[in-house]
């Protein structure tokens, strides 16, 4: 994510908000738009091979487990 936001201060802010705090769903529209537009990855549709869940679902589950 950090490399996809081209203003360093903003990139730090976005990265910290999305990785250090719970409630990542609050930033779903922002994150998915940035990654789709500039990274070519659609977190809402992409599934790892042999995984029944989307990458977004997996990220959410891991984040909840860390709390």
PDB file of N, CA and C in Angstrom:
ATOM      1  N   UNK A   1       0.830  -1.184   0.000  1.00  0.00           N
ATOM      2  CA  UNK A   1       0.000   0.000   0.000  1.00  0.00           C
ATOM      3  C   UNK A   1       0.874   1.247   0.000  1.00  0.00           C
ATOM      4  N   UNK A   2       1.928   1.264   0.811  1.00  0.00           N
ATOM      5  CA  UNK A   2       2.762   2.453   0.961  1.00  0.00           C
ATOM      6  C   UNK A   2       3.276   2.951  -0.388  1.00  0.00           C
ATOM      7  N   UNK A   3       3.726   2.050  -1.243  1.00  0.00           N
ATOM      8  CA  UNK A   3       4.278   2.443  -2.534  1.00  0.00           C
ATOM      9  C   UNK A   3       3.239   2.928  -3.528  1.00  0.00           C
ATOM     10  N   UNK A   4       1.964   2.709  -3.256  1.00  0.00           N
ATOM     11  CA  UNK A   4       0.915   3.109  -4.189  1.00  0.00           C
ATOM     12  C   UNK A   4       0.393   4.514  -3.924  1.00  0.00           C
ATOM     13  N   UNK A   5       0.689   5.073  -2.767  1.00  0.00           N
ATOM     14  CA  UNK A   5       0.302   6.450  -2.454  1.00  0.00           C
ATOM     15  C   UNK A   5       1.568   7.287  -2.609  1.00  0.00           C
ATOM     16  N   UNK A   6       1.555   8.229  -3.538  1.00  0.00           N
ATOM     17  CA  UNK A   6       2.785   8.886  -3.960  1.00  0.00           C
ATOM     18  C   UNK A   6       3.182  10.119  -3.149  1.00  0.00           C
ATOM     19  N   UNK A   7       2.395  10.492  -2.193  1.00  0.00           N
ATOM     20  CA  UNK A   7       2.779  11.570  -1.289  1.00  0.00           C
ATOM     21  C   UNK A   7       3.230  10.901  -0.001  1.00  0.00           C
ATOM     22  N   UNK A   8       4.513  11.041   0.342  1.00  0.00           N
ATOM     23  CA  UNK A   8       5.087  10.254   1.433  1.00  0.00           C
ATOM     24  C   UNK A   8       4.336  10.407   2.750  1.00  0.00           C
ATOM     25  N   UNK A   9       4.015  11.641   3.126  1.00  0.00           N
ATOM     26  CA  UNK A   9       3.298  11.837   4.380  1.00  0.00           C
ATOM     27  C   UNK A   9       1.916  11.181   4.354  1.00  0.00           C
ATOM     28  N   UNK A  10       1.229  11.297   3.244  1.00  0.00           N
ATOM     29  CA  UNK A  10      -0.088  10.682   3.107  1.00  0.00           C
ATOM     30  C   UNK A  10       0.032   9.162   3.082  1.00  0.00           C
ATOM     31  N   UNK A  11       1.053   8.649   2.425  1.00  0.00           N
ATOM     32  CA  UNK A  11       1.264   7.207   2.379  1.00  0.00           C
ATOM     33  C   UNK A  11       1.484   6.649   3.778  1.00  0.00           C
ATOM     34  N   UNK A  12       2.266   7.341   4.578  1.00  0.00           N
ATOM     35  CA  UNK A  12       2.498   6.907   5.958  1.00  0.00           C
ATOM     36  C   UNK A  12       1.196   6.913   6.727  1.00  0.00           C
ATOM     37  N   UNK A  13       0.422   7.957   6.587  1.00  0.00           N
ATOM     38  CA  UNK A  13      -0.857   8.087   7.283  1.00  0.00           C
ATOM     39  C   UNK A  13      -1.818   6.961   6.893  1.00  0.00           C
ATOM     40  N   UNK A  14      -1.982   6.715   5.600  1.00  0.00           N
ATOM     41  CA  UNK A  14      -2.894   5.679   5.115  1.00  0.00           C
ATOM     42  C   UNK A  14      -2.429   4.304   5.579  1.00  0.00           C
ATOM     43  N   UNK A  15      -1.131   4.055   5.488  1.00  0.00           N
ATOM     44  CA  UNK A  15      -0.596   2.758   5.908  1.00  0.00           C
ATOM     45  C   UNK A  15      -0.817   2.523   7.390  1.00  0.00           C
ATOM     46  N   UNK A  16      -0.553   3.526   8.206  1.00  0.00           N
ATOM     47  CA  UNK A  16      -0.744   3.378   9.650  1.00  0.00           C
ATOM     48  C   UNK A  16      -2.218   3.184  10.004  1.00  0.00           C
ATOM     49  N   UNK A  17      -3.079   3.931   9.380  1.00  0.00           N
ATOM     50  CA  UNK A  17      -4.508   3.793   9.662  1.00  0.00           C
ATOM     51  C   UNK A  17      -5.029   2.406   9.330  1.00  0.00           C
ATOM     52  N   UNK A  18      -4.535   1.850   8.258  1.00  0.00           N
ATOM     53  CA  UNK A  18      -5.083   0.583   7.794  1.00  0.00           C
ATOM     54  C   UNK A  18      -4.419  -0.642   8.401  1.00  0.00           C
ATOM     55  N   UNK A  19      -3.248  -0.490   8.970  1.00  0.00           N
ATOM     56  CA  UNK A  19      -2.570  -1.672   9.503  1.00  0.00           C
ATOM     57  C   UNK A  19      -2.457  -1.683  11.018  1.00  0.00           C
ATOM     58  N   UNK A  20      -2.481  -0.542  11.651  1.00  0.00           N
ATOM     59  CA  UNK A  20      -2.267  -0.502  13.099  1.00  0.00           C
ATOM     60  C   UNK A  20      -3.548  -0.457  13.914  1.00  0.00           C
ATOM     61  N   UNK A  21      -4.654  -0.199  13.270  1.00  0.00           N
ATOM     62  CA  UNK A  21      -5.901  -0.043  14.003  1.00  0.00           C
ATOM     63  C   UNK A  21      -6.935  -1.030  13.494  1.00  0.00           C
ATOM     64  N   UNK A  22      -7.853  -1.398  14.370  1.00  0.00           N
ATOM     65  CA  UNK A  22      -8.927  -2.283  13.925  1.00  0.00           C
ATOM     66  C   UNK A  22      -9.958  -1.471  13.139  1.00  0.00           C
ATOM     67  N   UNK A  23     -10.871  -2.163  12.535  1.00  0.00           N
ATOM     68  CA  UNK A  23     -11.912  -1.474  11.785  1.00  0.00           C
ATOM     69  C   UNK A  23     -11.508  -1.156  10.362  1.00  0.00           C
ATOM     70  N   UNK A  24     -10.766  -2.065   9.739  1.00  0.00           N
ATOM     71  CA  UNK A  24     -10.285  -1.831   8.392  1.00  0.00           C
ATOM     72  C   UNK A  24     -11.438  -1.627   7.410  1.00  0.00           C
ATOM     73  N   UNK A  25     -12.617  -2.147   7.740  1.00  0.00           N
ATOM     74  CA  UNK A  25     -13.769  -1.971   6.847  1.00  0.00           C
ATOM     75  C   UNK A  25     -14.121  -0.504   6.633  1.00  0.00           C
ATOM     76  N   UNK A  26     -13.746   0.352   7.580  1.00  0.00           N
ATOM     77  CA  UNK A  26     -14.011   1.785   7.413  1.00  0.00           C
ATOM     78  C   UNK A  26     -13.284   2.346   6.200  1.00  0.00           C
ATOM     79  N   UNK A  27     -12.182   1.691   5.827  1.00  0.00           N
ATOM     80  CA  UNK A  27     -11.351   2.181   4.728  1.00  0.00           C
ATOM     81  C   UNK A  27     -11.470   1.323   3.475  1.00  0.00           C
ATOM     82  N   UNK A  28     -12.472   0.444   3.444  1.00  0.00           N
ATOM     83  CA  UNK A  28     -12.601  -0.496   2.335  1.00  0.00           C
ATOM     84  C   UNK A  28     -12.647   0.203   0.982  1.00  0.00           C
ATOM     85  N   UNK A  29     -13.477   1.215   0.840  1.00  0.00           N
ATOM     86  CA  UNK A  29     -13.598   1.908  -0.453  1.00  0.00           C
ATOM     87  C   UNK A  29     -12.271   2.538  -0.871  1.00  0.00           C
ATOM     88  N   UNK A  30     -11.604   3.192   0.075  1.00  0.00           N
ATOM     89  CA  UNK A  30     -10.333   3.850  -0.226  1.00  0.00           C
ATOM     90  C   UNK A  30      -9.270   2.825  -0.616  1.00  0.00           C
ATOM     91  N   UNK A  31      -9.108   1.798   0.197  1.00  0.00           N
ATOM     92  CA  UNK A  31      -8.073   0.795  -0.058  1.00  0.00           C
ATOM     93  C   UNK A  31      -8.298   0.048  -1.359  1.00  0.00           C
ATOM     94  N   UNK A  32      -9.519  -0.387  -1.567  1.00  0.00           N
ATOM     95  CA  UNK A  32      -9.783  -1.152  -2.784  1.00  0.00           C
ATOM     96  C   UNK A  32      -9.633  -0.284  -4.033  1.00  0.00           C
ATOM     97  N   UNK A  33     -10.026   0.972  -3.938  1.00  0.00           N
ATOM     98  CA  UNK A  33      -9.874   1.866  -5.090  1.00  0.00           C
ATOM     99  C   UNK A  33      -8.410   2.105  -5.417  1.00  0.00           C
ATOM    100  N   UNK A  34      -7.595   2.359  -4.404  1.00  0.00           N
ATOM    101  CA  UNK A  34      -6.161   2.598  -4.622  1.00  0.00           C
ATOM    102  C   UNK A  34      -5.501   1.353  -5.203  1.00  0.00           C
ATOM    103  N   UNK A  35      -5.755   0.200  -4.601  1.00  0.00           N
ATOM    104  CA  UNK A  35      -5.113  -1.021  -5.077  1.00  0.00           C
ATOM    105  C   UNK A  35      -5.595  -1.444  -6.459  1.00  0.00           C
ATOM    106  N   UNK A  36      -6.870  -1.244  -6.748  1.00  0.00           N
ATOM    107  CA  UNK A  36      -7.388  -1.593  -8.068  1.00  0.00           C
ATOM    108  C   UNK A  36      -6.807  -0.671  -9.129  1.00  0.00           C
ATOM    109  N   UNK A  37      -6.826   0.627  -8.853  1.00  0.00           N
ATOM    110  CA  UNK A  37      -6.364   1.616  -9.838  1.00  0.00           C
ATOM    111  C   UNK A  37      -4.865   1.554 -10.086  1.00  0.00           C
ATOM    112  N   UNK A  38      -4.086   1.501  -9.027  1.00  0.00           N
ATOM    113  CA  UNK A  38      -2.640   1.636  -9.179  1.00  0.00           C
ATOM    114  C   UNK A  38      -1.868   0.335  -8.994  1.00  0.00           C
ATOM    115  N   UNK A  39      -2.482  -0.647  -8.368  1.00  0.00           N
ATOM    116  CA  UNK A  39      -1.792  -1.910  -8.146  1.00  0.00           C
ATOM    117  C   UNK A  39      -2.306  -3.049  -8.994  1.00  0.00           C
ATOM    118  N   UNK A  40      -3.462  -2.833  -9.630  1.00  0.00           N
ATOM    119  CA  UNK A  40      -4.027  -3.862 -10.477  1.00  0.00           C
ATOM    120  C   UNK A  40      -4.560  -5.063  -9.706  1.00  0.00           C
ATOM    121  N   UNK A  41      -4.881  -4.874  -8.414  1.00  0.00           N
ATOM    122  CA  UNK A  41      -5.379  -5.965  -7.579  1.00  0.00           C
ATOM    123  C   UNK A  41      -6.753  -5.583  -7.047  1.00  0.00           C
ATOM    124  N   UNK A  42      -7.731  -6.432  -7.281  1.00  0.00           N
ATOM    125  CA  UNK A  42      -9.074  -6.209  -6.750  1.00  0.00           C
ATOM    126  C   UNK A  42      -9.252  -7.103  -5.528  1.00  0.00           C
ATOM    127  N   UNK A  43      -9.064  -6.542  -4.338  1.00  0.00           N
ATOM    128  CA  UNK A  43      -9.146  -7.304  -3.091  1.00  0.00           C
ATOM    129  C   UNK A  43     -10.521  -7.916  -2.869  1.00  0.00           C
ATOM    130  N   UNK A  44     -11.535  -7.331  -3.456  1.00  0.00           N
ATOM    131  CA  UNK A  44     -12.897  -7.832  -3.263  1.00  0.00           C
ATOM    132  C   UNK A  44     -13.191  -9.053  -4.134  1.00  0.00           C
ATOM    133  N   UNK A  45     -12.386  -9.285  -5.157  1.00  0.00           N
ATOM    134  CA  UNK A  45     -12.626 -10.410  -6.067  1.00  0.00           C
ATOM    135  C   UNK A  45     -11.491 -11.433  -6.059  1.00  0.00           C
ATOM    136  N   UNK A  46     -10.280 -10.994  -5.779  1.00  0.00           N
ATOM    137  CA  UNK A  46      -9.125 -11.887  -5.868  1.00  0.00           C
ATOM    138  C   UNK A  46      -9.162 -12.966  -4.787  1.00  0.00           C
ATOM    139  N   UNK A  47      -8.918 -14.193  -5.193  1.00  0.00           N
ATOM    140  CA  UNK A  47      -8.802 -15.326  -4.271  1.00  0.00           C
ATOM    141  C   UNK A  47      -7.480 -16.019  -4.536  1.00  0.00           C
ATOM    142  N   UNK A  48      -6.799 -16.359  -3.462  1.00  0.00           N
ATOM    143  CA  UNK A  48      -5.571 -17.127  -3.623  1.00  0.00           C
ATOM    144  C   UNK A  48      -5.934 -18.507  -4.165  1.00  0.00           C
ATOM    145  N   UNK A  49      -5.008 -19.152  -4.866  1.00  0.00           N
ATOM    146  CA  UNK A  49      -5.299 -20.500  -5.371  1.00  0.00           C
ATOM    147  C   UNK A  49      -5.743 -21.417  -4.227  1.00  0.00           C
ATOM    148  N   UNK A  50      -6.777 -22.168  -4.458  1.00  0.00           N
ATOM    149  CA  UNK A  50      -7.330 -23.133  -3.494  1.00  0.00           C
ATOM    150  C   UNK A  50      -7.963 -22.491  -2.264  1.00  0.00           C
ATOM    151  N   UNK A  51      -8.239 -21.218  -2.294  1.00  0.00           N
ATOM    152  CA  UNK A  51      -8.902 -20.556  -1.177  1.00  0.00           C
ATOM    153  C   UNK A  51     -10.336 -20.213  -1.574  1.00  0.00           C
ATOM    154  N   UNK A  52     -11.299 -20.545  -0.723  1.00  0.00           N
ATOM    155  CA  UNK A  52     -12.693 -20.220  -1.049  1.00  0.00           C
ATOM    156  C   UNK A  52     -13.039 -18.762  -0.724  1.00  0.00           C
ATOM    157  N   UNK A  53     -12.159 -18.068  -0.024  1.00  0.00           N
ATOM    158  CA  UNK A  53     -12.435 -16.701   0.416  1.00  0.00           C
ATOM    159  C   UNK A  53     -11.646 -15.685  -0.405  1.00  0.00           C
ATOM    160  N   UNK A  54     -12.202 -14.472  -0.473  1.00  0.00           N
ATOM    161  CA  UNK A  54     -11.467 -13.401  -1.145  1.00  0.00           C
ATOM    162  C   UNK A  54     -10.321 -12.952  -0.242  1.00  0.00           C
ATOM    163  N   UNK A  55      -9.374 -12.285  -0.836  1.00  0.00           N
ATOM    164  CA  UNK A  55      -8.238 -11.784  -0.066  1.00  0.00           C
ATOM    165  C   UNK A  55      -8.715 -10.797   1.004  1.00  0.00           C
ATOM    166  N   UNK A  56      -9.711  -9.983   0.697  1.00  0.00           N
ATOM    167  CA  UNK A  56     -10.257  -9.036   1.675  1.00  0.00           C
ATOM    168  C   UNK A  56     -10.818  -9.777   2.892  1.00  0.00           C
ATOM    169  N   UNK A  57     -11.527 -10.874   2.652  1.00  0.00           N
ATOM    170  CA  UNK A  57     -12.076 -11.662   3.758  1.00  0.00           C
ATOM    171  C   UNK A  57     -10.954 -12.250   4.617  1.00  0.00           C
ATOM    172  N   UNK A  58      -9.924 -12.754   3.982  1.00  0.00           N
ATOM    173  CA  UNK A  58      -8.803 -13.325   4.723  1.00  0.00           C
ATOM    174  C   UNK A  58      -8.090 -12.266   5.564  1.00  0.00           C
ATOM    175  N   UNK A  59      -7.890 -11.100   4.998  1.00  0.00           N
ATOM    176  CA  UNK A  59      -7.243 -10.008   5.731  1.00  0.00           C
ATOM    177  C   UNK A  59      -8.069  -9.651   6.958  1.00  0.00           C
ATOM    178  N   UNK A  60      -9.386  -9.553   6.787  1.00  0.00           N
ATOM    179  CA  UNK A  60     -10.272  -9.223   7.904  1.00  0.00           C
ATOM    180  C   UNK A  60     -10.209 -10.259   9.017  1.00  0.00           C
ATOM    181  N   UNK A  61     -10.179 -11.522   8.648  1.00  0.00           N
ATOM    182  CA  UNK A  61     -10.106 -12.583   9.651  1.00  0.00           C
ATOM    183  C   UNK A  61      -8.786 -12.542  10.411  1.00  0.00           C
ATOM    184  N   UNK A  62      -7.711 -12.306   9.712  1.00  0.00           N
ATOM    185  CA  UNK A  62      -6.398 -12.220  10.385  1.00  0.00           C
ATOM    186  C   UNK A  62      -6.357 -11.020  11.316  1.00  0.00           C
ATOM    187  N   UNK A  63      -6.890  -9.899  10.857  1.00  0.00           N
ATOM    188  CA  UNK A  63      -6.892  -8.703  11.707  1.00  0.00           C
ATOM    189  C   UNK A  63      -7.704  -8.937  12.985  1.00  0.00           C
ATOM    190  N   UNK A  64      -8.847  -9.592  12.882  1.00  0.00           N
ATOM    191  CA  UNK A  64      -9.672  -9.881  14.052  1.00  0.00           C
ATOM    192  C   UNK A  64      -8.950 -10.825  15.015  1.00  0.00           C
ATOM    193  N   UNK A  65      -8.231 -11.792  14.482  1.00  0.00           N
ATOM    194  CA  UNK A  65      -7.504 -12.747  15.318  1.00  0.00           C
ATOM    195  C   UNK A  65      -6.377 -12.067  16.098  1.00  0.00           C
ATOM    196  N   UNK A  66      -5.851 -10.982  15.570  1.00  0.00           N
ATOM    197  CA  UNK A  66      -4.750 -10.265  16.231  1.00  0.00           C
ATOM    198  C   UNK A  66      -5.214  -9.405  17.388  1.00  0.00           C
ATOM    199  N   UNK A  67      -6.499  -9.135  17.477  1.00  0.00           N
ATOM    200  CA  UNK A  67      -7.013  -8.273  18.546  1.00  0.00           C
ATOM    201  C   UNK A  67      -6.972  -8.939  19.864  1.00  0.00           C
TER     202      UNK A  67
END
